[in-house]
Amino acid sequence: MSDSENTAESAGVLPEPAREIAAGYAVSGASLDLGALLWDGTCLPDAQIRIPLAMLNRHGLVAGATGTGKTKTLQLIAEQLSAGGVPVFLADIKGDVSGIAAPGAPGDRVTERAGQVGQVWEAEGFPCEFYALGGIGPGIPLRATVTSFGPVLLSKVLELNRTQEQSLGLIFHYADAKGLELIDLKDLRAVVAFLVSDTGKAELKGIGGLSTATAGVILRSVTAFEQQGAGDFFGEPEFDTAELLRRAPDGRGLVSVLEPAAVQDKPQLFSTFLMWLLADLFHDLPEVGDLEKPKLVFFFDEAHLLFDGASKAFLESITRTVRLIRSKGVGIFFVTQTPRDVPAEVLAQLGNRVQHALRAFTPDDAKALRSTVKTFPHSQYDLEELLTRLGIGEAVITVLSENGAPTPVAATRLRAPRSLMGPWPAAELEAAVKGSSLYGRYAQAVDRESAYEKLSAGQEAEAEAAGAADRAAVEGAVRGEGARGAGKAAEEDASLVGQVVASGMFRSLARSVGTQLGREISRSLFGTARRRR
């Protein structure tokens, strides 16, 4: 710590500009402590920078270049939310957030940082659940059915164009109406193949049909997707997103840590699956308006993956979800490298900003830097210069005050997390996963009867009926029953075939589906299915 910093601390007197900034962060209710104000190269521990807890459902952005401390910022915020009884969802892209479950390790660097920012540091671990997409990697498997994932999100994952997306929506519409549950990818393949077969073409004739070329593109995309190992993400038991809202027995919010390191080569699936989780929460949660603290804060890491190549309709759905889910008590923080990664319509919904350092090594970097500066309120800092000089664990912050107004821009030296800043040992993580009360519920995949099995059964019935007709004709001829007897048998068996095929094989199948008989599933902004729990 420099002599100037020591002098400022001992004097306890803030410079006038710093006093004005600090006044904007005065909070009367519950809040999260982020760190101490930086002014003129000096850290001022008497000027604490805070976020009111009630404003966390106004959403936020954590941005900055690689290696500037974004992950530790997430950890710092998640710890305090948990301590305040707020559940957290946190994706662990690099595999080093799992340490939030264990107490941190004291050391000289932690002691120095705590002294600089006026933090009383005590090591503490927080209650966690660990998840993995489809069970690939450590964690409780997270799965979704194809039906609940819906055609819009699935089209994004499969990289379909607008026409193909519409055709996929038609396929889902048909499957829903006929009670054909699309549980996994083989169910979807079976329905698509049926609808371009001689028997199935007539089923969609009245509502537009499905071209063989488009069906071929969809089938190839699904097959390639499945060969990449993505088939594990779709199936049952489907994850109940209400699990994310739980608290530990001691009242602290549960930190749900998604370990997607094993699926980093499937970035679109990762980001789209996170959007499915939000969409599912949006369906199920009631309107609650403004609360003293959110029901859940959701950190959406690698946010640019969600928006890359997104259609206008998809972006509109994201924007509506972000805007409306606030009133259901859920806060969303998008985490990415620059604000330019997030569309303006979404960025406008984000009231809280934590901007770590940016690099300006290239003309594109310099352009991104200038664009970022323009997104901040008027500031007493030279932000274009400051954002290139921030050190690791320092950030420029503006949040919403308790009355909903933006706070002054504050350069901040952030506090040190109290939990382990690094990965939790693999053996301990595995023991925590298998010791979870959720492990027995979700660990084992289940493959029950769905569209694939029903289609297969229908095809077998059709083949059996045709075979019965042939056998009857042969037996009639052998027995010498004459043309009239043989014709009668053939007529009877043709009637059986007609019941299975001519009247629509799926009409008879739909009658066996129970509660889904003749009823189309209600779908959301993203086409995801509403589930009854």
Protein backbone atom coordinates (compact mmCIF):
# COMPACT_ATOMS: atom_id res chain seq x y z
CA MET A 1 0.00 0.00 0.00
CA SER A 2 1.39 3.44 -0.93
CA ASP A 3 2.08 6.29 1.53
CA SER A 4 -0.67 8.36 -0.11
CA GLU A 5 -3.19 5.58 0.51
CA ASN A 6 -2.14 5.30 4.17
CA THR A 7 -2.45 9.07 4.58
CA ALA A 8 -5.94 9.11 3.05
CA GLU A 9 -7.05 6.25 5.30
CA SER A 10 -5.72 7.80 8.51
CA ALA A 11 -7.16 11.18 7.72
CA GLY A 12 -10.60 9.74 7.01
CA VAL A 13 -11.38 12.75 4.82
CA LEU A 14 -12.59 12.23 1.27
CA PRO A 15 -11.79 14.62 -1.58
CA GLU A 16 -14.88 16.54 -2.72
CA PRO A 17 -15.42 14.60 -6.00
CA ALA A 18 -14.98 11.30 -4.15
CA ARG A 19 -17.46 12.42 -1.49
CA GLU A 20 -20.07 13.14 -4.18
CA ILE A 21 -19.56 9.72 -5.74
CA ALA A 22 -19.66 7.92 -2.37
CA ALA A 23 -22.92 9.68 -1.46
CA GLY A 24 -24.57 7.97 -4.43
CA TYR A 25 -23.82 4.57 -2.88
CA ALA A 26 -25.26 5.26 0.57
CA VAL A 27 -27.75 2.45 1.26
CA SER A 28 -30.23 2.26 4.14
CA GLY A 29 -31.39 -1.32 3.53
CA ALA A 30 -29.68 -4.63 2.76
CA SER A 31 -26.90 -4.42 0.20
CA LEU A 32 -23.90 -6.18 -1.29
CA ASP A 33 -20.47 -4.72 -0.56
CA LEU A 34 -18.37 -4.63 -3.72
CA GLY A 35 -15.30 -2.71 -2.64
CA ALA A 36 -13.78 0.72 -2.00
CA LEU A 37 -13.68 3.79 -4.23
CA LEU A 38 -10.59 4.57 -6.27
CA TRP A 39 -9.88 8.24 -6.81
CA ASP A 40 -6.77 9.84 -8.24
CA GLY A 41 -4.83 6.60 -7.83
CA THR A 42 -5.82 6.23 -4.18
CA CYS A 43 -8.04 3.57 -2.61
CA LEU A 44 -10.50 5.13 -0.14
CA PRO A 45 -11.85 2.50 2.28
CA ASP A 46 -14.20 5.06 3.86
CA ALA A 47 -16.05 5.25 0.52
CA GLN A 48 -17.74 1.87 0.14
CA ILE A 49 -19.37 0.90 -3.16
CA ARG A 50 -22.55 -1.15 -2.72
CA ILE A 51 -25.50 -2.57 -4.64
CA PRO A 52 -28.90 -2.44 -2.90
CA LEU A 53 -30.14 -6.02 -2.61
CA ALA A 54 -33.61 -4.99 -3.81
CA MET A 55 -32.10 -3.77 -7.11
CA LEU A 56 -30.54 -7.11 -8.07
CA ASN A 57 -33.64 -8.07 -10.07
CA ARG A 58 -33.01 -5.02 -12.30
CA HIS A 59 -30.41 -7.19 -14.04
CA GLY A 60 -26.80 -6.39 -14.76
CA LEU A 61 -23.66 -6.79 -16.84
CA VAL A 62 -20.21 -7.95 -15.80
CA ALA A 63 -17.74 -7.29 -18.61
CA GLY A 64 -14.01 -7.09 -19.18
CA ALA A 65 -11.09 -8.59 -21.00
CA THR A 66 -9.85 -12.09 -20.21
CA GLY A 67 -7.85 -12.21 -16.99
CA THR A 68 -9.18 -9.01 -15.45
CA GLY A 69 -11.09 -10.68 -12.61
CA LYS A 70 -14.65 -11.22 -13.89
CA THR A 71 -14.86 -14.71 -12.38
CA LYS A 72 -13.81 -13.48 -8.94
CA THR A 73 -16.39 -10.70 -9.18
CA LEU A 74 -19.09 -13.31 -9.82
CA GLN A 75 -17.82 -15.29 -6.84
CA LEU A 76 -17.86 -12.20 -4.61
CA ILE A 77 -21.43 -11.31 -5.56
CA ALA A 78 -22.65 -14.93 -5.34
CA GLU A 79 -21.22 -15.33 -1.82
CA GLN A 80 -23.05 -12.30 -0.49
CA LEU A 81 -26.29 -13.23 -2.19
CA SER A 82 -26.12 -16.68 -0.63
CA ALA A 83 -25.37 -15.17 2.78
CA GLY A 84 -28.42 -12.93 2.33
CA GLY A 85 -30.70 -15.90 1.65
CA VAL A 86 -30.85 -15.45 -2.15
CA PRO A 87 -30.30 -18.54 -4.35
CA VAL A 88 -27.78 -18.15 -7.17
CA PHE A 89 -27.20 -19.89 -10.48
CA LEU A 90 -23.59 -19.69 -11.65
CA ALA A 91 -21.96 -21.27 -14.70
CA ASP A 92 -18.36 -22.38 -14.15
CA ILE A 93 -16.89 -22.08 -17.63
CA LYS A 94 -13.25 -22.35 -16.60
CA GLY A 95 -13.81 -24.89 -13.84
CA ASP A 96 -12.54 -22.65 -11.04
CA VAL A 97 -15.77 -21.47 -9.37
CA SER A 98 -16.39 -24.76 -7.60
CA GLY A 99 -14.19 -23.46 -4.77
CA ILE A 100 -17.13 -21.37 -3.57
CA ALA A 101 -18.18 -24.46 -1.60
CA ALA A 102 -14.99 -24.38 0.51
CA PRO A 103 -13.50 -21.76 2.85
CA GLY A 104 -10.84 -19.57 1.25
CA ALA A 105 -7.15 -19.82 2.04
CA PRO A 106 -5.72 -16.87 4.00
CA GLY A 107 -2.53 -15.33 2.70
CA ASP A 108 -0.57 -12.13 2.27
CA ARG A 109 -2.40 -11.07 -0.89
CA VAL A 110 -5.81 -11.56 0.68
CA THR A 111 -4.74 -9.70 3.82
CA GLU A 112 -3.35 -6.83 1.74
CA ARG A 113 -6.49 -6.53 -0.39
CA ALA A 114 -8.78 -6.67 2.67
CA GLY A 115 -6.77 -3.89 4.31
CA GLN A 116 -6.91 -1.70 1.22
CA VAL A 117 -10.69 -1.89 0.86
CA GLY A 118 -11.66 -1.91 4.54
CA GLN A 119 -12.87 -5.52 4.51
CA VAL A 120 -13.01 -7.76 7.56
CA TRP A 121 -12.07 -11.00 5.82
CA GLU A 122 -13.05 -14.39 7.23
CA ALA A 123 -12.82 -17.66 5.32
CA GLU A 124 -16.22 -19.23 4.59
CA GLY A 125 -17.64 -21.84 2.23
CA PHE A 126 -21.20 -21.67 0.91
CA PRO A 127 -23.90 -24.31 0.29
CA CYS A 128 -23.69 -25.58 -3.30
CA GLU A 129 -25.24 -27.99 -5.74
CA PHE A 130 -23.13 -29.01 -8.74
CA TYR A 131 -24.69 -29.76 -12.12
CA ALA A 132 -23.48 -30.96 -15.52
CA LEU A 133 -25.26 -30.76 -18.87
CA GLY A 134 -26.51 -34.22 -19.66
CA GLY A 135 -24.23 -35.72 -17.04
CA ILE A 136 -21.08 -35.06 -19.09
CA GLY A 137 -18.50 -34.12 -16.48
CA PRO A 138 -18.90 -33.86 -12.72
CA GLY A 139 -22.30 -32.89 -11.43
CA ILE A 140 -25.95 -33.88 -11.24
CA PRO A 141 -27.21 -34.34 -14.83
CA LEU A 142 -29.32 -31.53 -16.27
CA ARG A 143 -31.64 -32.79 -19.00
CA ALA A 144 -34.53 -31.33 -20.96
CA THR A 145 -37.01 -33.07 -23.19
CA VAL A 146 -37.13 -32.05 -26.84
CA THR A 147 -40.79 -31.12 -26.35
CA SER A 148 -40.11 -28.68 -23.53
CA PHE A 149 -37.02 -27.27 -25.24
CA GLY A 150 -39.22 -26.23 -28.11
CA PRO A 151 -38.67 -25.49 -31.81
CA VAL A 152 -37.26 -21.96 -31.47
CA LEU A 153 -34.41 -22.81 -29.11
CA LEU A 154 -33.73 -26.10 -30.88
CA SER A 155 -33.52 -24.28 -34.23
CA LYS A 156 -30.89 -21.99 -32.70
CA VAL A 157 -28.84 -24.98 -31.56
CA LEU A 158 -29.19 -26.77 -34.91
CA GLU A 159 -28.34 -23.54 -36.78
CA LEU A 160 -31.45 -23.73 -38.96
CA ASN A 161 -32.56 -20.84 -41.16
CA ARG A 162 -35.91 -19.09 -40.81
CA THR A 163 -37.73 -21.39 -43.25
CA GLN A 164 -36.35 -24.51 -41.60
CA GLU A 165 -37.25 -23.11 -38.16
CA GLN A 166 -40.85 -22.64 -39.31
CA SER A 167 -40.93 -26.21 -40.61
CA LEU A 168 -39.59 -27.47 -37.30
CA GLY A 169 -42.36 -25.54 -35.57
CA LEU A 170 -44.88 -27.32 -37.79
CA ILE A 171 -43.38 -30.68 -36.78
CA PHE A 172 -43.71 -29.78 -33.09
CA HIS A 173 -47.28 -28.60 -33.69
CA TYR A 174 -48.17 -31.94 -35.25
CA ALA A 175 -46.47 -34.00 -32.53
CA ASP A 176 -48.19 -31.97 -29.80
CA ALA A 177 -51.60 -32.29 -31.41
CA LYS A 178 -51.25 -36.06 -31.84
CA GLY A 179 -49.91 -36.67 -28.35
CA LEU A 180 -46.51 -37.84 -29.62
CA GLU A 181 -44.07 -36.94 -26.88
CA LEU A 182 -40.70 -35.76 -28.17
CA ILE A 183 -38.52 -36.85 -25.29
CA ASP A 184 -35.14 -37.32 -26.98
CA LEU A 185 -33.61 -36.78 -30.40
CA LYS A 186 -34.58 -40.20 -31.74
CA ASP A 187 -38.22 -39.23 -31.15
CA LEU A 188 -37.76 -36.12 -33.26
CA ARG A 189 -36.00 -38.04 -36.03
CA ALA A 190 -38.82 -40.61 -36.07
CA VAL A 191 -41.55 -37.99 -36.43
CA VAL A 192 -39.70 -36.10 -39.18
CA ALA A 193 -39.10 -39.33 -41.10
CA PHE A 194 -42.74 -40.31 -40.77
CA LEU A 195 -44.04 -36.97 -42.01
CA VAL A 196 -42.16 -37.31 -45.30
CA SER A 197 -43.14 -40.95 -45.75
CA ASP A 198 -45.96 -41.99 -48.06
CA THR A 199 -48.22 -42.55 -45.06
CA GLY A 200 -47.30 -39.36 -43.24
CA LYS A 201 -47.41 -36.78 -46.04
CA ALA A 202 -51.18 -36.60 -45.90
CA GLU A 203 -51.09 -35.76 -42.18
CA LEU A 204 -49.68 -32.25 -42.82
CA LYS A 205 -51.36 -31.60 -46.14
CA GLY A 206 -54.01 -29.38 -44.63
CA ILE A 207 -51.54 -27.13 -42.77
CA GLY A 208 -48.80 -26.59 -45.31
CA GLY A 209 -46.88 -29.81 -45.57
CA LEU A 210 -43.19 -30.49 -45.10
CA SER A 211 -40.82 -30.56 -48.05
CA THR A 212 -38.50 -33.53 -48.39
CA ALA A 213 -35.52 -31.17 -48.80
CA THR A 214 -36.25 -29.29 -45.57
CA ALA A 215 -36.87 -32.54 -43.70
CA GLY A 216 -33.53 -33.79 -44.98
CA VAL A 217 -31.73 -30.71 -43.66
CA ILE A 218 -33.39 -31.09 -40.26
CA LEU A 219 -32.60 -34.81 -40.09
CA ARG A 220 -28.96 -34.25 -41.04
CA SER A 221 -28.62 -31.47 -38.46
CA VAL A 222 -30.17 -33.62 -35.74
CA THR A 223 -27.98 -36.60 -36.63
CA ALA A 224 -24.79 -34.52 -36.66
CA PHE A 225 -25.80 -32.90 -33.40
CA GLU A 226 -26.39 -36.30 -31.81
CA GLN A 227 -23.07 -37.66 -33.09
CA GLN A 228 -21.30 -34.82 -31.29
CA GLY A 229 -22.62 -36.25 -28.04
CA ALA A 230 -25.46 -33.76 -27.64
CA GLY A 231 -28.03 -36.54 -27.40
CA ASP A 232 -27.20 -36.83 -23.71
CA PHE A 233 -28.76 -33.44 -23.00
CA PHE A 234 -32.22 -34.48 -24.16
CA GLY A 235 -34.19 -37.03 -22.20
CA GLU A 236 -35.68 -37.79 -18.84
CA PRO A 237 -35.86 -37.26 -15.96
CA GLU A 238 -36.19 -33.64 -16.98
CA PHE A 239 -34.70 -31.11 -14.60
CA ASP A 240 -37.21 -29.17 -12.53
CA THR A 241 -35.94 -25.57 -12.52
CA ALA A 242 -37.68 -25.00 -9.19
CA GLU A 243 -34.65 -26.78 -7.70
CA LEU A 244 -32.68 -23.59 -8.38
CA LEU A 245 -34.84 -21.63 -5.91
CA ARG A 246 -33.97 -23.66 -2.83
CA ARG A 247 -32.24 -22.52 0.35
CA ALA A 248 -29.98 -24.46 2.67
CA PRO A 249 -31.31 -25.53 6.10
CA ASP A 250 -29.46 -22.59 7.70
CA GLY A 251 -31.36 -20.12 5.52
CA ARG A 252 -28.54 -19.28 3.13
CA GLY A 253 -29.33 -19.33 -0.56
CA LEU A 254 -28.17 -22.40 -2.46
CA VAL A 255 -25.49 -21.71 -5.08
CA SER A 256 -26.20 -23.88 -8.13
CA VAL A 257 -22.93 -24.31 -10.02
CA LEU A 258 -23.10 -25.59 -13.58
CA GLU A 259 -19.88 -27.32 -14.65
CA PRO A 260 -19.91 -27.06 -18.46
CA ALA A 261 -16.15 -27.40 -19.02
CA ALA A 262 -16.68 -30.81 -20.65
CA VAL A 263 -18.95 -29.26 -23.31
CA GLN A 264 -16.92 -26.20 -24.25
CA ASP A 265 -16.86 -27.46 -27.83
CA LYS A 266 -20.67 -27.04 -27.94
CA PRO A 267 -21.00 -23.34 -27.10
CA GLN A 268 -24.39 -22.81 -28.72
CA LEU A 269 -25.89 -25.71 -26.83
CA PHE A 270 -24.50 -24.33 -23.57
CA SER A 271 -25.86 -20.82 -24.06
CA THR A 272 -29.21 -21.99 -25.45
CA PHE A 273 -29.66 -24.45 -22.57
CA LEU A 274 -29.20 -21.54 -20.15
CA MET A 275 -31.91 -19.68 -22.04
CA TRP A 276 -34.17 -22.73 -21.67
CA LEU A 277 -33.65 -22.63 -17.90
CA LEU A 278 -34.73 -18.98 -17.85
CA ALA A 279 -37.71 -19.61 -20.11
CA ASP A 280 -38.84 -22.49 -17.91
CA LEU A 281 -38.54 -20.36 -14.79
CA PHE A 282 -40.49 -17.62 -16.52
CA HIS A 283 -43.38 -20.05 -17.14
CA ASP A 284 -43.62 -21.31 -13.61
CA LEU A 285 -43.01 -18.29 -11.38
CA PRO A 286 -45.92 -16.03 -10.38
CA GLU A 287 -45.86 -12.26 -10.70
CA VAL A 288 -44.54 -10.76 -7.48
CA GLY A 289 -43.55 -7.19 -8.38
CA ASP A 290 -40.77 -5.56 -6.40
CA LEU A 291 -39.34 -7.57 -3.51
CA GLU A 292 -36.92 -6.75 -0.73
CA LYS A 293 -34.60 -9.31 -2.28
CA PRO A 294 -34.80 -11.41 -5.46
CA LYS A 295 -35.93 -15.03 -5.55
CA LEU A 296 -32.95 -15.96 -7.71
CA VAL A 297 -30.00 -14.26 -9.39
CA PHE A 298 -28.89 -15.95 -12.59
CA PHE A 299 -25.40 -15.37 -14.03
CA PHE A 300 -25.38 -15.91 -17.81
CA ASP A 301 -21.70 -16.48 -18.66
CA GLU A 302 -20.26 -16.27 -22.19
CA ALA A 303 -23.34 -14.24 -23.15
CA HIS A 304 -22.08 -13.46 -26.65
CA LEU A 305 -22.65 -17.12 -27.60
CA LEU A 306 -26.37 -16.65 -27.13
CA PHE A 307 -26.57 -13.66 -29.47
CA ASP A 308 -24.18 -14.74 -32.24
CA GLY A 309 -26.18 -15.37 -35.40
CA ALA A 310 -29.49 -14.94 -33.59
CA SER A 311 -32.56 -14.10 -35.69
CA LYS A 312 -34.58 -10.94 -35.10
CA ALA A 313 -37.44 -12.99 -33.66
CA PHE A 314 -35.07 -14.79 -31.30
CA LEU A 315 -33.60 -11.51 -30.04
CA GLU A 316 -37.09 -10.11 -29.51
CA SER A 317 -37.96 -13.16 -27.39
CA ILE A 318 -34.81 -12.74 -25.29
CA THR A 319 -35.55 -9.04 -24.79
CA ARG A 320 -39.12 -9.75 -23.66
CA THR A 321 -37.99 -12.50 -21.30
CA VAL A 322 -35.33 -10.27 -19.71
CA ARG A 323 -37.79 -7.41 -19.35
CA LEU A 324 -40.66 -9.45 -17.93
CA ILE A 325 -38.84 -11.91 -15.66
CA ARG A 326 -37.85 -9.03 -13.36
CA SER A 327 -41.42 -8.85 -12.07
CA LYS A 328 -41.16 -12.53 -11.14
CA GLY A 329 -38.28 -11.87 -8.79
CA VAL A 330 -35.40 -13.12 -10.97
CA GLY A 331 -32.30 -11.06 -11.67
CA ILE A 332 -30.03 -11.83 -14.63
CA PHE A 333 -26.39 -10.82 -14.98
CA PHE A 334 -24.88 -11.25 -18.43
CA VAL A 335 -21.14 -11.94 -18.36
CA THR A 336 -19.04 -11.22 -21.44
CA GLN A 337 -15.97 -9.35 -22.68
CA THR A 338 -17.47 -6.09 -23.98
CA PRO A 339 -20.94 -4.53 -23.81
CA ARG A 340 -20.97 -4.67 -27.61
CA ASP A 341 -21.49 -8.44 -27.28
CA VAL A 342 -25.00 -7.74 -25.96
CA PRO A 343 -27.66 -6.25 -28.30
CA ALA A 344 -28.72 -2.70 -27.47
CA GLU A 345 -32.30 -3.80 -26.74
CA VAL A 346 -31.05 -6.18 -24.04
CA LEU A 347 -28.34 -3.85 -22.78
CA ALA A 348 -30.99 -1.20 -22.12
CA GLN A 349 -32.62 -3.57 -19.60
CA LEU A 350 -29.44 -3.94 -17.50
CA GLY A 351 -29.41 -1.46 -14.62
CA ASN A 352 -26.23 -2.62 -12.85
CA ARG A 353 -22.80 -2.51 -14.51
CA VAL A 354 -19.42 -3.87 -13.41
CA GLN A 355 -16.87 -3.11 -16.13
CA HIS A 356 -13.39 -4.55 -15.72
CA ALA A 357 -10.41 -3.43 -17.80
CA LEU A 358 -10.50 -3.41 -21.58
CA ARG A 359 -7.59 -3.72 -23.98
CA ALA A 360 -6.93 -1.32 -26.86
CA PHE A 361 -4.22 -3.14 -28.81
CA THR A 362 -5.96 -2.97 -32.20
CA PRO A 363 -8.22 -0.49 -34.03
CA ASP A 364 -11.18 -2.78 -33.32
CA ASP A 365 -10.26 -2.80 -29.62
CA ALA A 366 -10.11 0.99 -29.62
CA LYS A 367 -13.51 1.17 -31.29
CA ALA A 368 -14.98 -1.22 -28.71
CA LEU A 369 -13.46 0.88 -25.93
CA ARG A 370 -15.06 4.09 -27.23
CA SER A 371 -18.41 2.31 -27.63
CA THR A 372 -18.22 1.06 -24.05
CA VAL A 373 -17.51 4.53 -22.68
CA LYS A 374 -20.62 5.87 -24.43
CA THR A 375 -22.81 3.38 -22.57
CA PHE A 376 -21.93 4.87 -19.16
CA PRO A 377 -23.58 7.93 -17.55
CA HIS A 378 -21.62 11.20 -17.47
CA SER A 379 -18.58 10.67 -15.26
CA GLN A 380 -15.95 12.66 -13.42
CA TYR A 381 -13.37 10.17 -14.70
CA ASP A 382 -11.68 10.02 -18.07
CA LEU A 383 -13.20 6.61 -18.70
CA GLU A 384 -11.45 5.96 -22.00
CA GLU A 385 -8.11 6.20 -20.23
CA LEU A 386 -9.23 4.64 -16.94
CA LEU A 387 -10.64 1.47 -18.52
CA THR A 388 -7.23 0.63 -19.99
CA ARG A 389 -5.41 1.25 -16.67
CA LEU A 390 -7.54 -0.76 -14.26
CA GLY A 391 -5.68 -3.56 -12.51
CA ILE A 392 -6.84 -7.10 -11.83
CA GLY A 393 -9.73 -7.01 -9.37
CA GLU A 394 -10.60 -3.40 -10.18
CA ALA A 395 -13.65 -2.23 -12.10
CA VAL A 396 -15.75 0.75 -13.09
CA ILE A 397 -19.19 0.43 -11.50
CA THR A 398 -22.59 2.05 -11.80
CA VAL A 399 -25.72 0.51 -10.30
CA LEU A 400 -29.28 1.50 -9.46
CA SER A 401 -29.77 3.23 -6.14
CA GLU A 402 -32.59 2.38 -3.76
CA ASN A 403 -34.87 4.85 -5.53
CA GLY A 404 -34.03 3.33 -8.94
CA ALA A 405 -31.77 6.12 -10.21
CA PRO A 406 -28.31 5.33 -11.67
CA THR A 407 -25.48 5.90 -9.23
CA PRO A 408 -22.41 7.96 -10.21
CA VAL A 409 -19.70 6.05 -12.04
CA ALA A 410 -17.21 4.74 -9.47
CA ALA A 411 -13.79 3.22 -10.10
CA THR A 412 -13.61 0.46 -7.49
CA ARG A 413 -11.05 -1.86 -5.97
CA LEU A 414 -13.08 -4.99 -5.33
CA ARG A 415 -13.16 -7.06 -2.19
CA ALA A 416 -11.58 -10.50 -1.96
CA PRO A 417 -13.97 -13.50 -2.05
CA ARG A 418 -14.20 -15.38 1.24
CA SER A 419 -14.40 -18.80 -0.35
CA LEU A 420 -11.66 -20.73 -2.13
CA MET A 421 -10.47 -18.83 -5.21
CA GLY A 422 -9.88 -21.85 -7.40
CA PRO A 423 -11.30 -25.30 -8.14
CA TRP A 424 -12.49 -27.55 -5.34
CA PRO A 425 -10.55 -30.84 -5.26
CA ALA A 426 -12.15 -33.36 -7.62
CA ALA A 427 -12.65 -36.04 -4.96
CA GLU A 428 -14.49 -33.65 -2.66
CA LEU A 429 -16.63 -32.34 -5.51
CA GLU A 430 -17.61 -35.88 -6.53
CA ALA A 431 -18.50 -36.75 -2.95
CA ALA A 432 -20.69 -33.63 -2.71
CA VAL A 433 -22.48 -34.54 -5.95
CA LYS A 434 -23.22 -38.13 -4.92
CA GLY A 435 -24.22 -37.02 -1.45
CA SER A 436 -26.80 -34.58 -2.77
CA SER A 437 -30.48 -35.28 -2.18
CA LEU A 438 -31.02 -34.65 -5.91
CA TYR A 439 -28.56 -37.26 -7.15
CA GLY A 440 -30.95 -40.18 -6.86
CA ARG A 441 -33.67 -38.21 -8.63
CA TYR A 442 -31.71 -37.16 -11.71
CA ALA A 443 -28.61 -39.33 -12.04
CA GLN A 444 -30.11 -42.27 -13.94
CA ALA A 445 -31.53 -41.59 -17.41
CA VAL A 446 -34.98 -43.03 -18.18
CA ASP A 447 -36.18 -44.00 -21.67
CA ARG A 448 -39.95 -44.44 -21.52
CA GLU A 449 -42.42 -44.94 -24.34
CA SER A 450 -42.59 -41.85 -26.53
CA ALA A 451 -42.89 -40.90 -30.22
CA TYR A 452 -40.20 -43.31 -31.44
CA GLU A 453 -41.74 -46.32 -29.70
CA LYS A 454 -45.27 -45.41 -30.76
CA LEU A 455 -44.22 -44.95 -34.37
CA SER A 456 -42.34 -48.23 -34.32
CA ALA A 457 -45.38 -49.98 -32.86
CA GLY A 458 -47.61 -48.46 -35.54
CA GLN A 459 -45.28 -49.57 -38.32
CA GLU A 460 -45.17 -53.08 -36.88
CA ALA A 461 -48.98 -53.15 -36.71
CA GLU A 462 -49.16 -51.99 -40.33
CA ALA A 463 -46.72 -54.70 -41.44
CA GLU A 464 -48.54 -57.34 -39.41
CA ALA A 465 -51.89 -56.33 -40.91
CA ALA A 466 -50.48 -56.51 -44.43
CA GLY A 467 -48.98 -59.91 -43.65
CA ALA A 468 -52.31 -61.14 -42.27
CA ALA A 469 -54.02 -60.12 -45.47
CA ASP A 470 -51.50 -62.03 -47.56
CA ARG A 471 -51.76 -65.11 -45.37
CA ALA A 472 -55.54 -65.05 -45.46
CA ALA A 473 -55.56 -64.88 -49.26
CA VAL A 474 -53.14 -67.82 -49.55
CA GLU A 475 -55.03 -69.92 -47.01
CA GLY A 476 -58.32 -69.24 -48.78
CA ALA A 477 -56.92 -70.38 -52.11
CA VAL A 478 -55.41 -73.54 -50.59
CA ARG A 479 -58.63 -74.49 -48.91
CA GLY A 480 -60.49 -74.11 -52.16
CA GLU A 481 -62.89 -71.57 -50.80
CA GLY A 482 -63.13 -70.00 -54.22
CA ALA A 483 -62.82 -66.49 -55.43
CA ARG A 484 -65.74 -65.24 -53.35
CA GLY A 485 -64.31 -66.60 -50.06
CA ALA A 486 -60.82 -65.30 -50.82
CA GLY A 487 -62.25 -61.93 -51.77
CA LYS A 488 -64.18 -61.73 -48.53
CA ALA A 489 -61.06 -62.52 -46.44
CA ALA A 490 -59.05 -59.97 -48.34
CA GLU A 491 -61.82 -57.44 -47.85
CA GLU A 492 -61.88 -58.08 -44.11
CA ASP A 493 -58.10 -57.78 -43.84
CA ALA A 494 -58.07 -54.70 -46.05
CA SER A 495 -60.49 -53.21 -43.57
CA LEU A 496 -57.97 -53.94 -40.81
CA VAL A 497 -55.21 -52.26 -42.81
CA GLY A 498 -57.49 -49.30 -43.40
CA GLN A 499 -58.01 -48.92 -39.67
CA VAL A 500 -54.25 -48.70 -39.18
CA VAL A 501 -53.20 -46.74 -42.27
CA ALA A 502 -55.93 -45.18 -44.38
CA SER A 503 -57.64 -43.54 -41.44
CA GLY A 504 -54.28 -42.20 -40.21
CA MET A 505 -51.96 -44.39 -38.20
CA PHE A 506 -51.38 -41.61 -35.69
CA ARG A 507 -55.03 -41.07 -34.95
CA SER A 508 -55.17 -44.46 -33.31
CA LEU A 509 -51.84 -43.84 -31.60
CA ALA A 510 -53.02 -40.50 -30.24
CA ARG A 511 -55.93 -42.22 -28.55
CA SER A 512 -53.48 -44.15 -26.36
CA VAL A 513 -51.61 -41.17 -25.01
CA GLY A 514 -53.80 -40.53 -21.96
CA THR A 515 -53.77 -36.98 -20.71
CA GLN A 516 -52.32 -35.61 -23.95
CA LEU A 517 -55.17 -36.97 -26.08
CA GLY A 518 -56.07 -34.54 -28.89
CA ARG A 519 -54.55 -31.60 -27.02
CA GLU A 520 -51.74 -29.35 -28.25
CA ILE A 521 -49.13 -28.32 -25.69
CA SER A 522 -49.20 -24.64 -24.76
CA ARG A 523 -45.90 -22.98 -25.61
CA SER A 524 -44.03 -19.88 -24.54
CA LEU A 525 -42.23 -17.00 -26.22
CA PHE A 526 -39.46 -19.42 -27.18
CA GLY A 527 -41.81 -22.26 -28.14
CA THR A 528 -40.88 -24.13 -24.96
CA ALA A 529 -43.66 -26.24 -23.49
CA ARG A 530 -45.44 -25.30 -20.29
CA ARG A 531 -45.16 -28.13 -17.80
CA ARG A 532 -47.54 -28.99 -15.00
CA ARG A 533 -45.85 -29.86 -11.73
